[in-house]
Protein backbone atom coordinates (compact mmCIF):
# COMPACT_ATOMS: atom_id res chain seq x y z
CA MET A 1 31.51 23.44 35.23
CA SER A 2 28.35 21.38 35.73
CA GLU A 3 26.61 20.90 39.10
CA ASN A 4 28.61 17.77 39.89
CA GLY A 5 31.87 19.59 39.27
CA GLN A 6 32.60 17.80 35.99
CA ALA A 7 33.35 19.78 32.86
CA GLN A 8 30.54 19.33 30.37
CA MET A 9 31.53 17.00 27.49
CA ARG A 10 31.82 18.71 24.13
CA LYS A 11 31.84 17.29 20.60
CA SER A 12 31.59 18.59 17.08
CA ALA A 13 28.06 19.15 15.78
CA GLY A 14 28.65 16.45 13.18
CA HIS A 15 29.43 13.89 15.86
CA VAL A 16 26.41 14.99 17.90
CA ILE A 17 24.21 14.40 14.83
CA VAL A 18 25.45 10.81 14.64
CA ASP A 19 24.95 10.28 18.39
CA THR A 20 21.37 11.58 18.14
CA LEU A 21 20.57 9.22 15.25
CA ALA A 22 21.94 6.28 17.25
CA ALA A 23 19.83 7.32 20.27
CA HIS A 24 16.77 7.25 17.97
CA GLY A 25 17.44 3.60 17.09
CA VAL A 26 18.98 4.08 13.66
CA GLU A 27 20.92 0.95 12.71
CA ARG A 28 22.37 1.95 9.34
CA THR A 29 22.69 4.90 7.02
CA TYR A 30 23.03 4.81 3.24
CA VAL A 31 25.59 7.28 1.95
CA VAL A 32 27.45 8.62 -1.03
CA PRO A 33 30.32 10.51 0.62
CA GLY A 34 31.19 14.15 0.01
CA GLU A 35 33.66 16.63 1.44
CA SER A 36 30.75 18.80 2.54
CA TYR A 37 29.85 16.51 5.44
CA LEU A 38 33.17 14.91 6.37
CA ASP A 39 32.63 15.59 10.06
CA VAL A 40 29.44 13.48 10.06
CA LEU A 41 31.29 10.69 8.26
CA ASP A 42 33.99 10.96 10.92
CA GLY A 43 31.32 10.65 13.61
CA LEU A 44 30.12 7.44 11.95
CA HIS A 45 33.65 5.98 12.15
CA LYS A 46 33.23 4.35 15.55
CA SER A 47 29.46 4.61 15.81
CA SER A 48 27.04 1.72 16.34
CA ILE A 49 25.41 2.83 13.08
CA GLU A 50 26.50 0.79 10.07
CA THR A 51 27.56 2.97 7.14
CA ILE A 52 26.50 1.53 3.77
CA VAL A 53 28.50 3.20 1.02
CA CYS A 54 26.43 3.29 -2.17
CA ARG A 55 27.38 3.89 -5.80
CA HIS A 56 24.79 6.54 -6.69
CA GLU A 57 22.70 8.97 -4.67
CA GLY A 58 19.51 7.63 -6.28
CA GLY A 59 20.43 4.14 -5.08
CA ALA A 60 21.25 5.45 -1.60
CA THR A 61 17.92 7.24 -1.16
CA TYR A 62 16.01 4.27 -2.57
CA MET A 63 17.74 2.04 0.00
CA ALA A 64 16.91 4.47 2.79
CA GLU A 65 13.31 4.73 1.59
CA ALA A 66 12.98 0.94 1.57
CA ASP A 67 14.55 0.89 5.05
CA GLY A 68 11.84 3.29 6.21
CA LYS A 69 9.17 0.90 4.93
CA LEU A 70 10.79 -2.01 6.76
CA HIS A 71 11.05 -0.43 10.20
CA GLN A 72 9.12 1.69 12.67
CA ARG A 73 11.44 4.69 12.16
CA PRO A 74 12.73 6.76 9.24
CA GLY A 75 15.33 5.49 6.80
CA ILE A 76 18.47 7.63 6.70
CA ALA A 77 20.40 8.75 3.61
CA MET A 78 23.37 11.12 3.37
CA VAL A 79 24.57 12.86 0.20
CA THR A 80 26.61 15.88 -0.74
CA ARG A 81 25.61 19.26 -2.13
CA GLY A 82 24.58 20.27 -5.67
CA PRO A 83 24.79 17.26 -8.02
CA GLY A 84 24.57 14.77 -5.14
CA ALA A 85 21.41 16.40 -3.86
CA ALA A 86 19.94 16.47 -7.37
CA ASN A 87 20.55 12.74 -7.81
CA ALA A 88 18.87 12.00 -4.48
CA HIS A 89 15.61 13.70 -5.45
CA VAL A 90 14.11 10.53 -6.95
CA GLY A 91 14.10 8.84 -3.54
CA LEU A 92 12.37 11.84 -1.99
CA HIS A 93 9.56 11.70 -4.53
CA THR A 94 9.12 8.00 -3.79
CA ALA A 95 8.94 8.67 -0.05
CA TRP A 96 6.49 11.55 -0.58
CA GLN A 97 3.98 9.62 -2.70
CA ASP A 98 4.46 6.36 -0.77
CA SER A 99 4.16 8.10 2.64
CA THR A 100 7.46 6.65 3.82
CA PRO A 101 9.42 8.16 6.74
CA LEU A 102 12.81 9.23 5.38
CA VAL A 103 15.43 11.75 6.51
CA LEU A 104 17.88 12.93 3.88
CA PHE A 105 20.98 14.73 5.16
CA VAL A 106 22.62 16.95 2.54
CA GLY A 107 26.06 18.47 2.99
CA LEU A 108 26.11 22.16 2.05
CA ILE A 109 28.64 24.86 1.19
CA PRO A 110 30.13 26.79 4.14
CA PHE A 111 27.76 29.32 5.73
CA GLU A 112 29.85 32.33 4.72
CA HIS A 113 29.96 31.26 1.05
CA ARG A 114 26.23 31.61 0.48
CA GLU A 115 24.79 33.79 -2.27
CA LYS A 116 28.17 33.86 -4.11
CA GLU A 117 27.54 31.08 -6.63
CA ALA A 118 30.01 28.95 -4.72
CA PHE A 119 31.07 25.52 -5.97
CA GLN A 120 27.99 23.21 -6.00
CA GLU A 121 25.81 25.83 -4.31
CA PHE A 122 22.02 25.43 -4.47
CA ASP A 123 19.00 26.47 -2.44
CA PRO A 124 17.72 23.42 -0.50
CA LYS A 125 14.38 24.99 0.37
CA ALA A 126 13.71 26.00 -3.23
CA TRP A 127 14.71 22.56 -4.53
CA PHE A 128 13.00 20.39 -1.94
CA GLY A 129 10.28 22.63 -0.48
CA THR A 130 7.43 21.14 -2.51
CA GLY A 131 8.58 17.53 -2.26
CA ALA A 132 9.40 17.14 1.43
CA LYS A 133 7.42 17.57 4.63
CA ARG A 134 10.08 19.90 6.00
CA VAL A 135 13.41 21.33 4.87
CA MET A 136 15.66 22.39 7.72
CA ILE A 137 19.11 23.99 7.62
CA LEU A 138 21.51 23.69 10.54
CA ASP A 139 22.60 27.33 10.76
CA HIS A 140 23.41 27.21 14.48
CA ALA A 141 25.69 24.37 15.56
CA GLU A 142 24.26 24.16 19.09
CA ARG A 143 20.89 23.09 17.61
CA ALA A 144 22.35 19.99 15.93
CA SER A 145 20.72 17.40 18.19
CA GLU A 146 17.45 19.32 18.34
CA ILE A 147 17.14 19.52 14.56
CA VAL A 148 17.83 15.80 14.15
CA ALA A 149 15.13 15.01 16.73
CA GLU A 150 12.73 17.39 14.96
CA ALA A 151 13.51 15.79 11.60
CA MET A 152 12.87 12.27 12.90
CA PHE A 153 9.61 13.45 14.48
CA ALA A 154 8.47 15.28 11.35
CA ALA A 155 9.14 12.25 9.15
CA MET A 156 6.98 10.00 11.36
CA SER A 157 4.23 12.34 12.60
CA GLY A 158 0.90 12.62 10.79
CA ARG A 159 1.13 11.15 7.32
CA PRO A 160 4.76 9.92 7.19
CA GLY A 161 7.09 11.30 4.55
CA PRO A 162 10.52 12.70 3.69
CA VAL A 163 12.41 15.42 5.56
CA VAL A 164 15.57 17.14 4.32
CA VAL A 165 18.27 18.44 6.67
CA GLY A 166 20.98 20.69 5.23
CA LEU A 167 24.40 20.58 6.91
CA PRO A 168 26.75 23.51 6.15
CA GLU A 169 30.31 22.25 5.99
CA ASP A 170 31.72 24.73 8.52
CA ILE A 171 28.81 24.61 10.99
CA ILE A 172 29.03 20.86 11.60
CA GLN A 173 32.70 21.19 12.57
CA GLN A 174 31.99 23.54 15.49
CA GLU A 175 32.22 22.14 19.01
CA ILE A 176 29.05 22.14 21.08
CA SER A 177 27.60 20.45 24.15
CA ALA A 178 27.31 16.70 23.63
CA GLU A 179 23.96 16.59 25.44
CA LEU A 180 21.32 14.96 23.24
CA HIS A 181 17.80 16.14 22.57
CA PRO A 182 15.25 13.53 23.71
CA GLU A 183 13.10 11.68 21.20
CA ILE A 184 9.83 13.51 20.45
CA PRO A 185 6.78 11.25 20.85
CA VAL A 186 4.51 10.86 17.82
CA ALA A 187 0.75 11.10 18.26
CA THR A 188 -1.03 7.97 17.06
CA GLY A 189 -4.68 8.99 17.35
CA GLY A 190 -7.35 6.38 17.92
CA MET A 191 -11.08 5.75 17.69
CA THR A 192 -13.28 8.06 19.69
CA VAL A 193 -16.53 6.76 21.13
CA THR A 194 -18.32 8.44 18.23
CA ASP A 195 -15.99 6.78 15.70
CA TRP A 196 -16.43 3.38 17.31
CA LYS A 197 -20.23 3.62 17.34
CA ALA A 198 -20.35 4.90 13.74
CA LEU A 199 -18.20 2.06 12.42
CA ASN A 200 -20.02 -0.53 14.50
CA THR A 201 -23.38 0.64 13.15
CA ALA A 202 -22.13 0.82 9.57
CA LEU A 203 -20.78 -2.73 9.72
CA GLN A 204 -23.95 -4.14 11.24
CA GLU A 205 -26.03 -2.46 8.51
CA SER A 206 -23.74 -3.68 5.72
CA GLU A 207 -24.24 -6.87 3.72
CA LYS A 208 -21.07 -6.56 1.62
CA PRO A 209 -18.40 -4.67 3.56
CA LEU A 210 -14.83 -4.49 2.29
CA PHE A 211 -11.63 -3.37 4.01
CA VAL A 212 -8.76 -1.98 1.91
CA PHE A 213 -5.38 -1.91 3.64
CA GLY A 214 -2.26 -0.02 2.62
CA GLY A 215 0.53 2.31 3.61
CA ASN A 216 3.80 1.80 5.49
CA ASP A 217 2.64 2.71 8.99
CA TRP A 218 1.81 -0.74 10.36
CA SER A 219 3.63 -3.01 12.78
CA HIS A 220 3.90 -6.78 12.37
CA GLU A 221 1.75 -7.23 15.49
CA GLY A 222 -0.92 -4.81 14.29
CA ALA A 223 -1.14 -6.52 10.91
CA ALA A 224 -1.44 -9.94 12.56
CA ASP A 225 -4.19 -8.73 14.92
CA PHE A 226 -6.07 -7.14 12.01
CA THR A 227 -5.91 -10.38 10.03
CA ARG A 228 -7.15 -12.44 12.97
CA TRP A 229 -10.12 -10.08 13.56
CA LEU A 230 -11.10 -10.18 9.88
CA GLU A 231 -10.95 -13.97 9.79
CA GLU A 232 -12.98 -14.32 13.01
CA HIS A 233 -15.72 -12.17 11.49
CA GLY A 234 -15.63 -13.62 7.96
CA LEU A 235 -14.78 -10.22 6.46
CA PRO A 236 -12.76 -9.52 3.28
CA ALA A 237 -9.75 -7.26 2.74
CA ALA A 238 -8.08 -6.13 -0.48
CA ALA A 239 -4.56 -4.73 -0.82
CA GLU A 240 -3.69 -1.26 -2.02
CA TRP A 241 -1.44 -1.36 -5.10
CA ARG A 242 1.98 -2.77 -4.15
CA CYS A 243 1.04 -3.19 -0.47
CA GLU A 244 0.34 -6.91 -0.40
CA GLY A 245 1.13 -8.96 2.69
CA THR A 246 -0.39 -6.97 5.57
CA VAL A 247 -3.22 -9.46 5.36
CA PRO A 248 -1.36 -12.60 4.23
CA PHE A 249 -1.65 -14.11 0.78
CA THR A 250 -2.90 -17.33 2.39
CA SER A 251 -5.58 -15.73 4.57
CA PRO A 252 -9.20 -16.65 3.77
CA SER A 253 -9.96 -12.95 4.20
CA TYR A 254 -7.51 -11.77 1.53
CA VAL A 255 -9.31 -11.10 -1.76
CA GLY A 256 -6.58 -9.62 -3.96
CA PRO A 257 -4.77 -6.44 -5.04
CA ILE A 258 -6.36 -3.20 -6.19
CA GLY A 259 -4.28 -1.03 -8.50
CA TYR A 260 -3.06 -0.54 -12.05
CA GLY A 261 -3.71 -3.58 -14.21
CA ARG A 262 -5.75 -5.21 -11.47
CA PRO A 263 -7.88 -8.25 -12.28
CA LYS A 264 -11.49 -7.44 -13.07
CA PRO A 265 -13.03 -9.06 -9.95
CA THR A 266 -11.21 -6.66 -7.63
CA TYR A 267 -11.99 -3.78 -9.97
CA ASP A 268 -15.70 -4.56 -9.62
CA LEU A 269 -15.41 -4.86 -5.84
CA LEU A 270 -15.21 -1.10 -5.29
CA GLU A 271 -18.59 -0.52 -6.89
CA GLU A 272 -20.31 -3.64 -5.60
CA THR A 273 -19.47 -3.25 -1.92
CA ASP A 274 -21.95 -1.29 0.20
CA LEU A 275 -19.29 -0.24 2.75
CA LEU A 276 -15.63 0.51 2.08
CA ILE A 277 -13.20 0.91 4.98
CA PHE A 278 -9.74 2.15 4.03
CA VAL A 279 -7.08 1.49 6.68
CA GLY A 280 -3.71 3.21 6.42
CA THR A 281 -4.47 4.60 2.97
CA VAL A 282 -7.02 6.66 1.05
CA PRO A 283 -9.01 6.13 -2.17
CA GLY A 284 -6.53 7.89 -4.43
CA ASP A 285 -5.72 7.99 -8.12
CA VAL A 286 -4.49 4.41 -8.53
CA ILE A 287 -7.11 2.69 -6.37
CA THR A 288 -9.95 4.54 -8.12
CA ASP A 289 -8.54 4.04 -11.62
CA GLY A 290 -7.83 7.71 -12.27
CA PHE A 291 -10.55 9.10 -9.97
CA ASN A 292 -13.28 7.25 -11.89
CA VAL A 293 -14.34 4.36 -9.65
CA ARG A 294 -16.32 4.86 -6.43
CA GLN A 295 -17.06 8.53 -7.11
CA ASN A 296 -20.82 8.43 -6.42
CA TRP A 297 -21.39 10.68 -3.40
CA GLU A 298 -24.04 8.33 -2.06
CA LYS A 299 -21.46 5.55 -1.57
CA LYS A 300 -20.41 4.82 2.00
CA ASN A 301 -16.66 5.17 2.66
CA PHE A 302 -14.90 5.12 6.03
CA ILE A 303 -11.28 6.30 5.92
CA VAL A 304 -8.83 5.47 8.69
CA THR A 305 -5.73 7.63 8.41
CA ILE A 306 -3.66 9.77 10.78
CA ASP A 307 -3.66 12.53 8.15
CA PRO A 308 -6.55 14.90 8.94
CA ALA A 309 -6.08 16.58 5.55
CA LEU A 310 -6.88 13.33 3.69
CA ARG A 311 -4.27 14.27 1.10
CA GLY A 312 -4.71 12.36 -2.16
CA ARG A 313 -8.29 11.30 -1.41
CA SER A 314 -11.07 11.22 -4.00
CA GLY A 315 -14.74 10.32 -3.84
CA PRO A 316 -17.14 10.35 -0.91
CA VAL A 317 -16.13 10.42 2.75
CA SER A 318 -18.79 9.14 5.13
CA HIS A 319 -16.57 9.20 8.21
CA GLN A 320 -12.89 9.77 8.93
CA ILE A 321 -11.14 8.09 11.85
CA VAL A 322 -7.89 9.90 12.66
CA ALA A 323 -5.63 7.04 13.73
CA LYS A 324 -2.56 5.12 12.75
CA PRO A 325 -3.39 1.56 11.70
CA ASP A 326 -2.08 -0.11 14.86
CA VAL A 327 -4.17 1.94 17.28
CA PHE A 328 -7.22 1.60 15.05
CA VAL A 329 -6.77 -2.17 15.15
CA ARG A 330 -6.28 -2.05 18.92
CA ASP A 331 -9.73 -0.45 19.24
CA LEU A 332 -11.23 -2.63 16.50
CA LEU A 333 -10.41 -5.76 18.50
CA LEU A 334 -12.97 -4.62 21.07
CA MET A 335 -15.69 -4.74 18.42
CA ASP A 336 -17.18 -8.23 18.60
CA LEU A 337 -19.87 -8.28 15.94
CA PRO A 338 -22.36 -11.01 15.12
CA VAL A 339 -21.14 -12.70 11.94
CA LYS A 340 -23.60 -12.54 9.08
CA ASP A 341 -24.02 -15.33 6.57
CA SER A 342 -23.98 -12.66 3.85
CA TRP A 343 -20.46 -11.62 4.99
CA LYS A 344 -19.17 -15.17 4.80
CA GLU A 345 -20.73 -15.74 1.37
CA TRP A 346 -19.40 -12.42 0.03
CA THR A 347 -15.89 -13.07 1.36
CA SER A 348 -15.87 -16.67 0.14
CA ARG A 349 -16.90 -15.64 -3.37
CA MET A 350 -14.17 -13.01 -3.65
CA ARG A 351 -11.58 -15.27 -2.03
CA GLY A 352 -12.42 -17.88 -4.65
CA GLU A 353 -11.75 -15.34 -7.40
CA GLN A 354 -8.39 -14.50 -5.82
CA GLU A 355 -7.40 -18.17 -5.52
CA LYS A 356 -8.18 -18.71 -9.21
CA PHE A 357 -6.21 -15.59 -10.10
CA ALA A 358 -3.19 -16.71 -8.04
CA GLN A 359 -3.20 -20.35 -9.14
CA LEU A 360 0.30 -21.17 -10.32
CA PRO A 361 0.99 -22.02 -13.96
CA PRO A 362 2.70 -25.36 -14.73
CA ALA A 363 6.19 -25.69 -13.28
CA THR A 364 7.22 -28.12 -16.01
CA PRO A 365 9.04 -26.24 -18.77
CA SER A 366 7.64 -26.16 -22.27
CA ALA A 367 9.51 -26.04 -25.55
CA GLY A 368 10.96 -22.81 -26.81
CA GLN A 369 12.00 -19.51 -25.27
CA ALA A 370 12.15 -18.95 -21.52
CA LYS A 371 8.89 -17.99 -19.83
CA MET A 372 8.31 -15.90 -16.74
CA ALA A 373 5.34 -18.15 -15.90
CA THR A 374 7.66 -21.14 -15.60
CA MET A 375 10.09 -19.15 -13.47
CA MET A 376 7.34 -18.02 -11.06
CA ALA A 377 5.90 -21.52 -10.75
CA ASN A 378 9.29 -22.96 -9.80
CA LEU A 379 10.25 -20.00 -7.61
CA VAL A 380 7.06 -19.94 -5.52
CA GLN A 381 7.33 -23.66 -4.77
CA SER A 382 10.84 -23.08 -3.37
CA LEU A 383 10.01 -20.14 -1.09
CA PRO A 384 9.91 -20.24 2.71
CA GLU A 385 6.85 -18.74 4.37
CA ASP A 386 8.61 -15.50 5.33
CA ALA A 387 10.02 -14.72 1.86
CA MET A 388 10.08 -11.09 0.75
CA VAL A 389 9.78 -9.55 -2.71
CA THR A 390 10.86 -6.12 -3.92
CA PHE A 391 10.46 -4.42 -7.28
CA GLY A 392 10.26 -1.03 -8.93
CA ALA A 393 7.98 -0.17 -11.83
CA GLY A 394 6.94 -1.88 -15.03
CA GLU A 395 4.77 -4.71 -16.32
CA HIS A 396 7.24 -7.24 -14.94
CA THR A 397 5.97 -6.38 -11.44
CA ASN A 398 2.59 -7.96 -12.20
CA TRP A 399 4.13 -11.42 -11.98
CA ALA A 400 4.81 -10.75 -8.29
CA HIS A 401 1.40 -9.17 -7.74
CA ARG A 402 -0.28 -12.26 -9.08
CA TYR A 403 1.81 -15.13 -7.72
CA PHE A 404 4.28 -14.15 -4.99
CA PRO A 405 3.05 -15.40 -1.57
CA THR A 406 3.34 -12.34 0.67
CA ASN A 407 2.67 -13.61 4.19
CA GLY A 408 3.09 -10.73 6.60
CA TYR A 409 3.51 -6.99 6.78
CA ALA A 410 6.39 -5.54 4.73
CA SER A 411 6.89 -8.73 2.71
CA MET A 412 6.34 -6.67 -0.46
CA ILE A 413 8.55 -3.59 -0.77
CA SER A 414 7.95 -1.48 -3.84
CA ALA A 415 7.62 2.04 -5.22
CA ARG A 416 3.99 3.08 -5.48
CA ASN A 417 4.96 6.28 -7.30
CA GLY A 418 5.95 4.15 -10.30
CA SER A 419 9.64 4.91 -9.91
CA MET A 420 12.00 2.78 -11.98
CA GLY A 421 15.38 1.65 -10.70
CA TYR A 422 14.04 0.73 -7.26
CA SER A 423 14.36 -3.05 -7.48
CA VAL A 424 18.03 -3.68 -6.71
CA PRO A 425 18.50 -0.95 -4.05
CA SER A 426 15.36 -2.04 -2.18
CA ALA A 427 16.48 -5.67 -2.31
CA VAL A 428 19.88 -4.72 -0.86
CA ALA A 429 18.21 -2.81 1.99
CA ALA A 430 15.80 -5.68 2.68
CA SER A 431 18.57 -8.27 2.69
CA LEU A 432 20.72 -6.20 5.06
CA SER A 433 17.76 -5.73 7.41
CA TYR A 434 16.72 -9.40 7.28
CA PRO A 435 19.81 -11.44 6.39
CA ASP A 436 18.13 -14.74 7.29
CA ARG A 437 15.13 -14.29 4.99
CA ARG A 438 14.79 -15.08 1.32
CA VAL A 439 14.71 -11.73 -0.48
CA VAL A 440 13.71 -11.79 -4.15
CA THR A 441 13.61 -8.84 -6.50
CA ILE A 442 11.98 -8.93 -9.91
CA ALA A 443 13.42 -6.35 -12.29
CA GLY A 444 12.70 -5.41 -15.85
CA ASP A 445 15.59 -5.01 -18.25
CA GLY A 446 14.85 -1.29 -18.61
CA GLU A 447 14.62 -0.74 -14.87
CA PHE A 448 17.64 -2.83 -13.91
CA LEU A 449 20.28 -0.66 -15.57
CA MET A 450 19.03 2.45 -13.76
CA ASN A 451 20.53 1.25 -10.46
CA GLY A 452 21.99 -2.17 -11.22
CA GLN A 453 25.40 -0.90 -10.12
CA GLU A 454 24.21 -1.24 -6.51
CA LEU A 455 24.99 -4.94 -6.86
CA ALA A 456 28.49 -3.74 -5.96
CA THR A 457 27.01 -2.51 -2.67
CA ALA A 458 25.36 -5.89 -2.15
CA ALA A 459 28.69 -7.65 -2.65
CA GLN A 460 30.55 -5.24 -0.37
CA TYR A 461 28.19 -5.65 2.58
CA GLY A 462 27.11 -9.25 2.16
CA ALA A 463 23.54 -8.71 0.98
CA THR A 464 22.22 -11.86 -0.70
CA PRO A 465 19.07 -11.14 -2.71
CA LEU A 466 17.92 -13.22 -5.64
CA VAL A 467 17.65 -10.88 -8.63
CA ILE A 468 15.44 -12.05 -11.51
CA ILE A 469 15.67 -9.88 -14.61
CA MET A 470 12.81 -10.28 -17.05
CA ASP A 471 14.46 -9.20 -20.29
CA ASN A 472 11.98 -8.52 -23.10
CA GLN A 473 14.25 -5.96 -24.78
CA GLN A 474 11.86 -3.05 -24.30
CA TYR A 475 10.22 -0.61 -21.92
CA GLY A 476 7.18 -2.87 -21.70
CA THR A 477 4.66 -0.67 -19.94
CA ILE A 478 5.25 2.23 -22.30
CA ARG A 479 5.07 -0.12 -25.28
CA THR A 480 1.66 -1.31 -24.07
CA HIS A 481 0.39 2.28 -23.90
CA GLN A 482 1.99 2.96 -27.27
CA GLU A 483 0.21 0.03 -28.92
CA ARG A 484 -3.06 1.23 -27.42
CA GLN A 485 -2.74 4.83 -28.62
CA TYR A 486 -0.42 4.52 -31.63
CA PRO A 487 -0.83 0.92 -32.86
CA GLU A 488 2.02 -0.58 -34.86
CA ARG A 489 4.09 2.61 -34.49
CA VAL A 490 6.97 1.48 -32.26
CA SER A 491 9.07 4.45 -31.23
CA GLY A 492 11.43 5.06 -28.32
CA THR A 493 10.73 1.83 -26.45
CA GLN A 494 13.15 -0.80 -27.77
CA LEU A 495 16.35 -1.85 -25.98
CA LEU A 496 19.58 -3.67 -26.77
CA ASN A 497 20.89 -5.21 -23.55
CA PRO A 498 24.23 -6.55 -22.33
CA ASP A 499 24.69 -9.94 -20.71
CA PHE A 500 23.44 -9.20 -17.21
CA ALA A 501 24.70 -12.56 -15.91
CA LEU A 502 28.27 -11.62 -16.78
CA MET A 503 27.68 -8.26 -15.12
CA ALA A 504 26.60 -10.02 -11.91
CA GLN A 505 29.71 -12.19 -11.98
CA ALA A 506 31.89 -9.11 -12.47
CA PHE A 507 30.37 -7.60 -9.34
CA GLY A 508 31.22 -10.73 -7.34
CA GLY A 509 27.90 -12.53 -7.38
CA PHE A 510 26.41 -15.55 -9.15
CA GLY A 511 24.98 -14.96 -12.61
CA VAL A 512 23.27 -17.23 -15.10
CA ARG A 513 21.70 -16.44 -18.47
CA VAL A 514 18.54 -18.37 -19.41
CA GLU A 515 17.22 -18.38 -22.95
CA GLN A 516 15.29 -21.68 -23.15
CA ASP A 517 12.38 -22.62 -20.90
CA SER A 518 13.97 -25.99 -20.24
CA GLU A 519 16.86 -24.22 -18.48
CA VAL A 520 14.69 -22.48 -15.87
CA PRO A 521 14.55 -25.09 -13.05
CA ALA A 522 18.29 -25.78 -13.06
CA ALA A 523 19.15 -22.08 -13.21
CA LEU A 524 16.92 -21.33 -10.23
CA GLU A 525 18.36 -24.23 -8.25
CA ALA A 526 21.92 -23.06 -8.95
CA ALA A 527 21.09 -19.47 -7.99
CA LEU A 528 19.53 -20.48 -4.67
CA LYS A 529 22.49 -22.74 -3.94
CA ALA A 530 24.89 -19.83 -4.49
CA ILE A 531 22.91 -17.72 -2.02
CA ASP A 532 22.60 -20.41 0.65
CA GLU A 533 26.02 -22.04 0.39
CA ASP A 534 28.31 -19.36 -1.02
CA LYS A 535 26.57 -16.46 0.77
CA LYS A 536 26.51 -14.22 -2.29
CA PHE A 537 23.78 -12.52 -4.27
CA ALA A 538 22.52 -14.33 -7.35
CA LEU A 539 21.12 -13.03 -10.63
CA ILE A 540 19.07 -14.86 -13.25
CA HIS A 541 18.97 -13.14 -16.64
CA LEU A 542 15.75 -14.47 -18.20
CA ILE A 543 15.35 -13.77 -21.93
CA VAL A 544 11.60 -13.77 -22.66
CA GLU A 545 9.33 -12.95 -25.58
CA GLN A 546 7.86 -9.49 -26.00
CA GLY A 547 4.20 -8.97 -25.28
CA VAL A 548 3.75 -11.83 -22.76
CA LYS A 549 2.03 -10.46 -19.65
CA ALA A 550 1.15 -11.81 -16.21
CA TYR A 551 -2.51 -10.80 -16.76
């Protein structure tokens, strides 16, 4: 009996897990069901958490990873033991390299069956130990709520990332106290007086400073405040690869993306600037073009990250500020610097380069085969200001990098680890999170079939993304490398594709196949009409020439 004379409420550990997730603000979980965690599924039955049933564990973890990028809390995925866990690993790698908060719950064999080569048995810590921030196993039912709270905390604290929680089938069925563990607060850091003075001095001494923003640890308010401060001081900011939008596409301070295949002006920026300030990211492999750019130890680099280990960093470090982006910006707003003419000239020059780079091609179709340039020109002109774009990996993504108007934090959701198959799942997650926004995903033909079956998930739950498939009948990025290293020796890169438009229709959406450039405007108009009026996803299968690139 409790102090008030009432018998303490008891529930199964599986139900307590669900209650704890709900108390942490989780709105949906992405699952592929398994008998190993039936009690958790039963707890979801009447929960406030929406259960999104996916068609493959890779799709489920991609959706959860995208969800973690879209919100100020971890995305949640649930899969079963053995093969299910193996299929989910791709989403964990994405979350690890992209620094995305993600909690993956994995159903496990019963506790007493361990070490007997039981059906679908595996060792979670051996499998996931090097690719997750923590791997925890619920071996004591009474710790169910505590372990969930610890997992949520671990995913968000320091440099965000994935956490795996193993759930033995028999343990989660045991009855325990229904009392929930409170949410564990996450330290956010901030500028010390020394940090503030060092940055203030460095900026005042600089003639060509440059901010580089990135990561998934911002809020919409923090990004907006950062943009306003940059614009007030006439200072430039470039985007980490596949992180565009934190400083809007339309901002006079935005000077372009830095990453693989980047335009030469932003490539040159890293060497020309006399002060680099990374916010929410570090100068890693992609930004520095394989650890080659900005490696001179005399260069001045400030790095703002909550990760004191600076994992993934290369090149010089002049000063580290241990802070999440929002609290750094909060302190930055107090720094009212005199605006130099050299800053304004430097920013204006680079902004001019970005505007030339992003200038749309003609929207009027030309004769012959369909062109991605025509599609982008017509698409961009139709987009509302808060449109979002998602994509996975491949040369097709450069069309979005160059032209898509990302105007706000988390308006570009992508996989910075170069993971293919991310486009459709991420678009489904984005559309479910923001049903009133225009969500566009640009997929390559090679990437699309890796998780295109998640269109069934879109249809089931009413997600309405616009899916544009750029079909050039090959793995384009690999073909480019192949031509560079083994010219005119085409091997292992060519594809024969089905009619993706018919596939979309079979899944319950709108699908149209476009082979001629003249067909592009009408196809786009019909696809958008299907989304807006029929409330269904739409897919445009665009047949393009090989070898045509965005830049």
